[in-house]
Amino acid sequence: MLDVALFMANATQLKAVLEQGPGFTYYITLITLISLSLALQLIIGVLLIIIARRNINDTEKQERLDLLNNVATGLVFLTVLINIFITAFGVQKSGLYPSRGPR
């Protein structure tokens, strides 16, 4: 469930950055970081599904499952680091940019 929550938070952050437009100071940086985070989360989700569907009691598969688990753990750590940088660059909507409502 945390993966889904982080995925939704990243999608919301991406929307906020896109609404602010290319004039935003860290526009390209944030688009890149958020997109990378979303892609890594999808890869992690697929890895976790693969790991969960395999039989850990089968000794022939244990080494491969251990490797996949370590890869997934490393990607989770990388995703956390990327999201720390996303937060540091500040995605929050500041109200400095006018909304696109009726004029």
N, C-alpha and C. Protein backbone atom coordinates (compact mmCIF):
# COMPACT_ATOMS: atom_id res chain seq x y z
N MET A 1 0.82 -1.20 0.00
CA MET A 1 0.00 0.00 0.00
C MET A 1 0.87 1.26 0.00
N LEU A 2 2.03 1.20 0.63
CA LEU A 2 2.90 2.37 0.63
C LEU A 2 3.36 2.69 -0.78
N ASP A 3 3.60 1.67 -1.58
CA ASP A 3 4.01 1.88 -2.96
C ASP A 3 2.93 2.63 -3.73
N VAL A 4 1.68 2.28 -3.51
CA VAL A 4 0.56 2.94 -4.18
C VAL A 4 0.47 4.39 -3.71
N ALA A 5 0.64 4.62 -2.42
CA ALA A 5 0.58 5.98 -1.89
C ALA A 5 1.70 6.85 -2.46
N LEU A 6 2.90 6.31 -2.52
CA LEU A 6 4.03 7.06 -3.09
C LEU A 6 3.81 7.30 -4.57
N PHE A 7 3.29 6.32 -5.27
CA PHE A 7 3.01 6.47 -6.70
C PHE A 7 2.01 7.60 -6.93
N MET A 8 0.95 7.65 -6.13
CA MET A 8 -0.06 8.71 -6.26
C MET A 8 0.53 10.07 -5.89
N ALA A 9 1.37 10.11 -4.87
CA ALA A 9 2.01 11.36 -4.48
C ALA A 9 2.90 11.88 -5.60
N ASN A 10 3.66 10.98 -6.24
CA ASN A 10 4.51 11.38 -7.36
C ASN A 10 3.67 11.86 -8.54
N ALA A 11 2.57 11.21 -8.80
CA ALA A 11 1.69 11.65 -9.90
C ALA A 11 1.14 13.05 -9.62
N THR A 12 0.78 13.32 -8.38
CA THR A 12 0.29 14.64 -7.99
C THR A 12 1.40 15.68 -8.12
N GLN A 13 2.61 15.31 -7.71
CA GLN A 13 3.75 16.23 -7.83
C GLN A 13 4.03 16.53 -9.30
N LEU A 14 3.95 15.52 -10.14
CA LEU A 14 4.18 15.71 -11.57
C LEU A 14 3.14 16.67 -12.15
N LYS A 15 1.90 16.51 -11.73
CA LYS A 15 0.84 17.40 -12.19
C LYS A 15 1.12 18.84 -11.76
N ALA A 16 1.57 19.03 -10.51
CA ALA A 16 1.85 20.37 -10.01
C ALA A 16 3.00 21.02 -10.78
N VAL A 17 4.03 20.26 -11.09
CA VAL A 17 5.16 20.79 -11.84
C VAL A 17 4.73 21.15 -13.25
N LEU A 18 3.95 20.29 -13.88
CA LEU A 18 3.47 20.57 -15.23
C LEU A 18 2.57 21.80 -15.27
N GLU A 19 1.78 22.00 -14.23
CA GLU A 19 0.92 23.19 -14.15
C GLU A 19 1.74 24.46 -14.01
N GLN A 20 2.87 24.37 -13.31
CA GLN A 20 3.71 25.56 -13.12
C GLN A 20 4.44 25.93 -14.41
N GLY A 21 4.67 24.96 -15.26
CA GLY A 21 5.22 25.23 -16.57
C GLY A 21 6.73 25.34 -16.61
N PRO A 22 7.26 25.47 -17.83
CA PRO A 22 8.71 25.52 -18.03
C PRO A 22 9.39 26.72 -17.39
N GLY A 23 8.62 27.72 -16.98
CA GLY A 23 9.20 28.88 -16.31
C GLY A 23 9.66 28.58 -14.90
N PHE A 24 9.22 27.46 -14.34
CA PHE A 24 9.61 27.06 -12.99
C PHE A 24 11.11 26.74 -12.98
N THR A 25 11.81 27.20 -11.96
CA THR A 25 13.27 27.10 -11.89
C THR A 25 13.79 25.68 -12.10
N TYR A 26 13.22 24.72 -11.44
CA TYR A 26 13.72 23.33 -11.51
C TYR A 26 12.81 22.43 -12.33
N TYR A 27 12.18 22.99 -13.33
CA TYR A 27 11.19 22.26 -14.13
C TYR A 27 11.75 20.95 -14.69
N ILE A 28 12.81 21.00 -15.47
CA ILE A 28 13.38 19.81 -16.12
C ILE A 28 13.90 18.83 -15.07
N THR A 29 14.55 19.35 -14.04
CA THR A 29 15.09 18.49 -12.98
C THR A 29 13.98 17.69 -12.31
N LEU A 30 12.91 18.39 -11.94
CA LEU A 30 11.81 17.71 -11.25
C LEU A 30 11.05 16.76 -12.16
N ILE A 31 10.85 17.14 -13.41
CA ILE A 31 10.18 16.23 -14.35
C ILE A 31 10.99 14.94 -14.47
N THR A 32 12.31 15.08 -14.59
CA THR A 32 13.19 13.92 -14.71
C THR A 32 13.15 13.05 -13.46
N LEU A 33 13.30 13.67 -12.29
CA LEU A 33 13.32 12.91 -11.03
C LEU A 33 11.99 12.21 -10.77
N ILE A 34 10.89 12.92 -10.99
CA ILE A 34 9.58 12.32 -10.73
C ILE A 34 9.31 11.18 -11.72
N SER A 35 9.67 11.39 -12.98
CA SER A 35 9.48 10.32 -13.97
C SER A 35 10.32 9.10 -13.64
N LEU A 36 11.56 9.33 -13.21
CA LEU A 36 12.43 8.22 -12.81
C LEU A 36 11.85 7.48 -11.61
N SER A 37 11.34 8.23 -10.65
CA SER A 37 10.74 7.62 -9.47
C SER A 37 9.53 6.77 -9.85
N LEU A 38 8.68 7.28 -10.72
CA LEU A 38 7.51 6.53 -11.16
C LEU A 38 7.92 5.25 -11.89
N ALA A 39 8.92 5.36 -12.77
CA ALA A 39 9.38 4.18 -13.52
C ALA A 39 9.97 3.14 -12.57
N LEU A 40 10.77 3.57 -11.60
CA LEU A 40 11.36 2.63 -10.64
C LEU A 40 10.27 1.95 -9.81
N GLN A 41 9.24 2.69 -9.45
CA GLN A 41 8.15 2.09 -8.68
C GLN A 41 7.42 1.02 -9.47
N LEU A 42 7.25 1.25 -10.77
CA LEU A 42 6.63 0.22 -11.61
C LEU A 42 7.51 -1.02 -11.69
N ILE A 43 8.82 -0.82 -11.86
CA ILE A 43 9.76 -1.95 -11.92
C ILE A 43 9.75 -2.72 -10.60
N ILE A 44 9.76 -2.00 -9.49
CA ILE A 44 9.74 -2.63 -8.17
C ILE A 44 8.45 -3.45 -8.01
N GLY A 45 7.32 -2.89 -8.41
CA GLY A 45 6.05 -3.61 -8.32
C GLY A 45 6.08 -4.91 -9.11
N VAL A 46 6.62 -4.88 -10.32
CA VAL A 46 6.72 -6.08 -11.13
C VAL A 46 7.65 -7.10 -10.47
N LEU A 47 8.80 -6.64 -9.96
CA LEU A 47 9.72 -7.54 -9.26
C LEU A 47 9.06 -8.21 -8.06
N LEU A 48 8.31 -7.43 -7.29
CA LEU A 48 7.65 -7.99 -6.11
C LEU A 48 6.59 -9.02 -6.49
N ILE A 49 5.89 -8.78 -7.59
CA ILE A 49 4.91 -9.76 -8.06
C ILE A 49 5.60 -11.04 -8.49
N ILE A 50 6.72 -10.91 -9.20
CA ILE A 50 7.48 -12.09 -9.63
C ILE A 50 7.97 -12.87 -8.41
N ILE A 51 8.52 -12.16 -7.43
CA ILE A 51 9.03 -12.82 -6.23
C ILE A 51 7.91 -13.54 -5.48
N ALA A 52 6.76 -12.90 -5.37
CA ALA A 52 5.64 -13.47 -4.62
C ALA A 52 5.06 -14.71 -5.29
N ARG A 53 5.15 -14.78 -6.60
CA ARG A 53 4.55 -15.92 -7.32
C ARG A 53 5.44 -17.16 -7.33
N ARG A 54 6.70 -17.01 -6.97
CA ARG A 54 7.64 -18.14 -6.98
C ARG A 54 7.58 -18.88 -5.65
N ASN A 55 7.95 -20.14 -5.68
CA ASN A 55 7.96 -20.98 -4.48
C ASN A 55 9.33 -20.87 -3.80
N ILE A 56 9.39 -20.21 -2.67
CA ILE A 56 10.65 -20.01 -1.94
C ILE A 56 11.18 -21.33 -1.37
N ASN A 57 10.31 -22.31 -1.20
CA ASN A 57 10.74 -23.60 -0.66
C ASN A 57 11.49 -24.45 -1.67
N ASP A 58 11.40 -24.11 -2.95
CA ASP A 58 12.14 -24.81 -3.99
C ASP A 58 13.59 -24.35 -3.94
N THR A 59 14.49 -25.23 -3.52
CA THR A 59 15.90 -24.85 -3.30
C THR A 59 16.58 -24.37 -4.58
N GLU A 60 16.13 -24.83 -5.73
CA GLU A 60 16.73 -24.40 -6.99
C GLU A 60 16.41 -22.93 -7.29
N LYS A 61 15.30 -22.43 -6.77
CA LYS A 61 14.88 -21.06 -7.05
C LYS A 61 15.30 -20.07 -5.97
N GLN A 62 15.79 -20.56 -4.84
CA GLN A 62 16.11 -19.68 -3.73
C GLN A 62 17.19 -18.66 -4.05
N GLU A 63 18.23 -19.07 -4.76
CA GLU A 63 19.32 -18.15 -5.07
C GLU A 63 18.83 -17.02 -5.99
N ARG A 64 18.05 -17.38 -7.00
CA ARG A 64 17.52 -16.37 -7.92
C ARG A 64 16.53 -15.43 -7.21
N LEU A 65 15.68 -16.00 -6.35
CA LEU A 65 14.74 -15.17 -5.59
C LEU A 65 15.46 -14.24 -4.63
N ASP A 66 16.55 -14.72 -4.04
CA ASP A 66 17.35 -13.88 -3.15
C ASP A 66 17.95 -12.71 -3.94
N LEU A 67 18.43 -12.97 -5.15
CA LEU A 67 18.98 -11.92 -6.00
C LEU A 67 17.90 -10.91 -6.37
N LEU A 68 16.73 -11.40 -6.78
CA LEU A 68 15.63 -10.50 -7.13
C LEU A 68 15.19 -9.66 -5.93
N ASN A 69 15.18 -10.27 -4.75
CA ASN A 69 14.83 -9.55 -3.54
C ASN A 69 15.86 -8.45 -3.25
N ASN A 70 17.14 -8.76 -3.43
CA ASN A 70 18.18 -7.75 -3.20
C ASN A 70 18.09 -6.61 -4.21
N VAL A 71 17.78 -6.94 -5.46
CA VAL A 71 17.61 -5.91 -6.49
C VAL A 71 16.42 -5.01 -6.13
N ALA A 72 15.31 -5.63 -5.74
CA ALA A 72 14.12 -4.85 -5.36
C ALA A 72 14.43 -3.94 -4.17
N THR A 73 15.16 -4.45 -3.19
CA THR A 73 15.52 -3.64 -2.02
C THR A 73 16.41 -2.47 -2.42
N GLY A 74 17.36 -2.71 -3.30
CA GLY A 74 18.23 -1.63 -3.79
C GLY A 74 17.44 -0.57 -4.55
N LEU A 75 16.49 -1.01 -5.36
CA LEU A 75 15.66 -0.06 -6.11
C LEU A 75 14.76 0.75 -5.18
N VAL A 76 14.27 0.13 -4.12
CA VAL A 76 13.46 0.86 -3.13
C VAL A 76 14.32 1.94 -2.47
N PHE A 77 15.56 1.61 -2.12
CA PHE A 77 16.46 2.58 -1.52
C PHE A 77 16.72 3.73 -2.49
N LEU A 78 16.96 3.43 -3.76
CA LEU A 78 17.19 4.45 -4.77
C LEU A 78 15.95 5.34 -4.94
N THR A 79 14.78 4.74 -4.90
CA THR A 79 13.54 5.50 -5.02
C THR A 79 13.37 6.46 -3.84
N VAL A 80 13.72 6.01 -2.65
CA VAL A 80 13.65 6.88 -1.47
C VAL A 80 14.59 8.06 -1.63
N LEU A 81 15.81 7.81 -2.09
CA LEU A 81 16.77 8.90 -2.31
C LEU A 81 16.26 9.89 -3.34
N ILE A 82 15.72 9.40 -4.43
CA ILE A 82 15.18 10.27 -5.47
C ILE A 82 14.05 11.14 -4.91
N ASN A 83 13.19 10.53 -4.10
CA ASN A 83 12.07 11.29 -3.52
C ASN A 83 12.54 12.31 -2.49
N ILE A 84 13.66 12.08 -1.85
CA ILE A 84 14.23 13.09 -0.97
C ILE A 84 14.66 14.30 -1.79
N PHE A 85 15.27 14.07 -2.94
CA PHE A 85 15.67 15.17 -3.82
C PHE A 85 14.45 15.89 -4.40
N ILE A 86 13.41 15.14 -4.73
CA ILE A 86 12.18 15.77 -5.22
C ILE A 86 11.63 16.73 -4.17
N THR A 87 11.60 16.29 -2.93
CA THR A 87 11.11 17.12 -1.84
C THR A 87 12.02 18.34 -1.63
N ALA A 88 13.33 18.14 -1.76
CA ALA A 88 14.29 19.23 -1.56
C ALA A 88 14.13 20.33 -2.61
N PHE A 89 13.78 19.95 -3.84
CA PHE A 89 13.60 20.95 -4.89
C PHE A 89 12.25 21.64 -4.81
N GLY A 90 11.36 21.15 -3.99
CA GLY A 90 10.10 21.83 -3.71
C GLY A 90 9.11 21.79 -4.85
N VAL A 91 8.16 20.88 -4.78
CA VAL A 91 7.14 20.73 -5.81
C VAL A 91 5.85 21.43 -5.42
N GLN A 92 5.71 21.80 -4.16
CA GLN A 92 4.45 22.34 -3.70
C GLN A 92 4.02 23.54 -4.52
N LYS A 93 2.73 23.64 -4.70
CA LYS A 93 2.16 24.75 -5.46
C LYS A 93 2.16 25.97 -4.57
N SER A 94 2.82 27.03 -5.01
CA SER A 94 3.03 28.19 -4.15
C SER A 94 1.99 29.28 -4.34
N GLY A 95 1.18 29.22 -5.37
CA GLY A 95 0.22 30.27 -5.64
C GLY A 95 0.82 31.42 -6.44
N LEU A 96 2.08 31.30 -6.82
CA LEU A 96 2.74 32.34 -7.60
C LEU A 96 2.30 32.32 -9.06
N TYR A 97 1.74 31.20 -9.48
CA TYR A 97 1.34 31.05 -10.87
C TYR A 97 -0.18 31.09 -10.94
N PRO A 98 -0.71 31.90 -11.83
CA PRO A 98 -2.18 31.99 -11.91
C PRO A 98 -2.79 30.69 -12.40
N SER A 99 -3.98 30.42 -11.91
CA SER A 99 -4.69 29.23 -12.37
C SER A 99 -5.24 29.51 -13.77
N ARG A 100 -5.62 28.45 -14.44
CA ARG A 100 -6.14 28.58 -15.81
C ARG A 100 -7.66 28.63 -15.82
N GLY A 101 -8.24 29.24 -14.86
CA GLY A 101 -9.69 29.33 -14.77
C GLY A 101 -10.24 30.37 -15.73
N PRO A 102 -11.56 30.59 -15.68
CA PRO A 102 -12.18 31.57 -16.56
C PRO A 102 -11.65 32.98 -16.27
N ARG A 103 -11.58 33.77 -17.30
CA ARG A 103 -11.04 35.14 -17.14
C ARG A 103 -12.13 36.17 -17.23
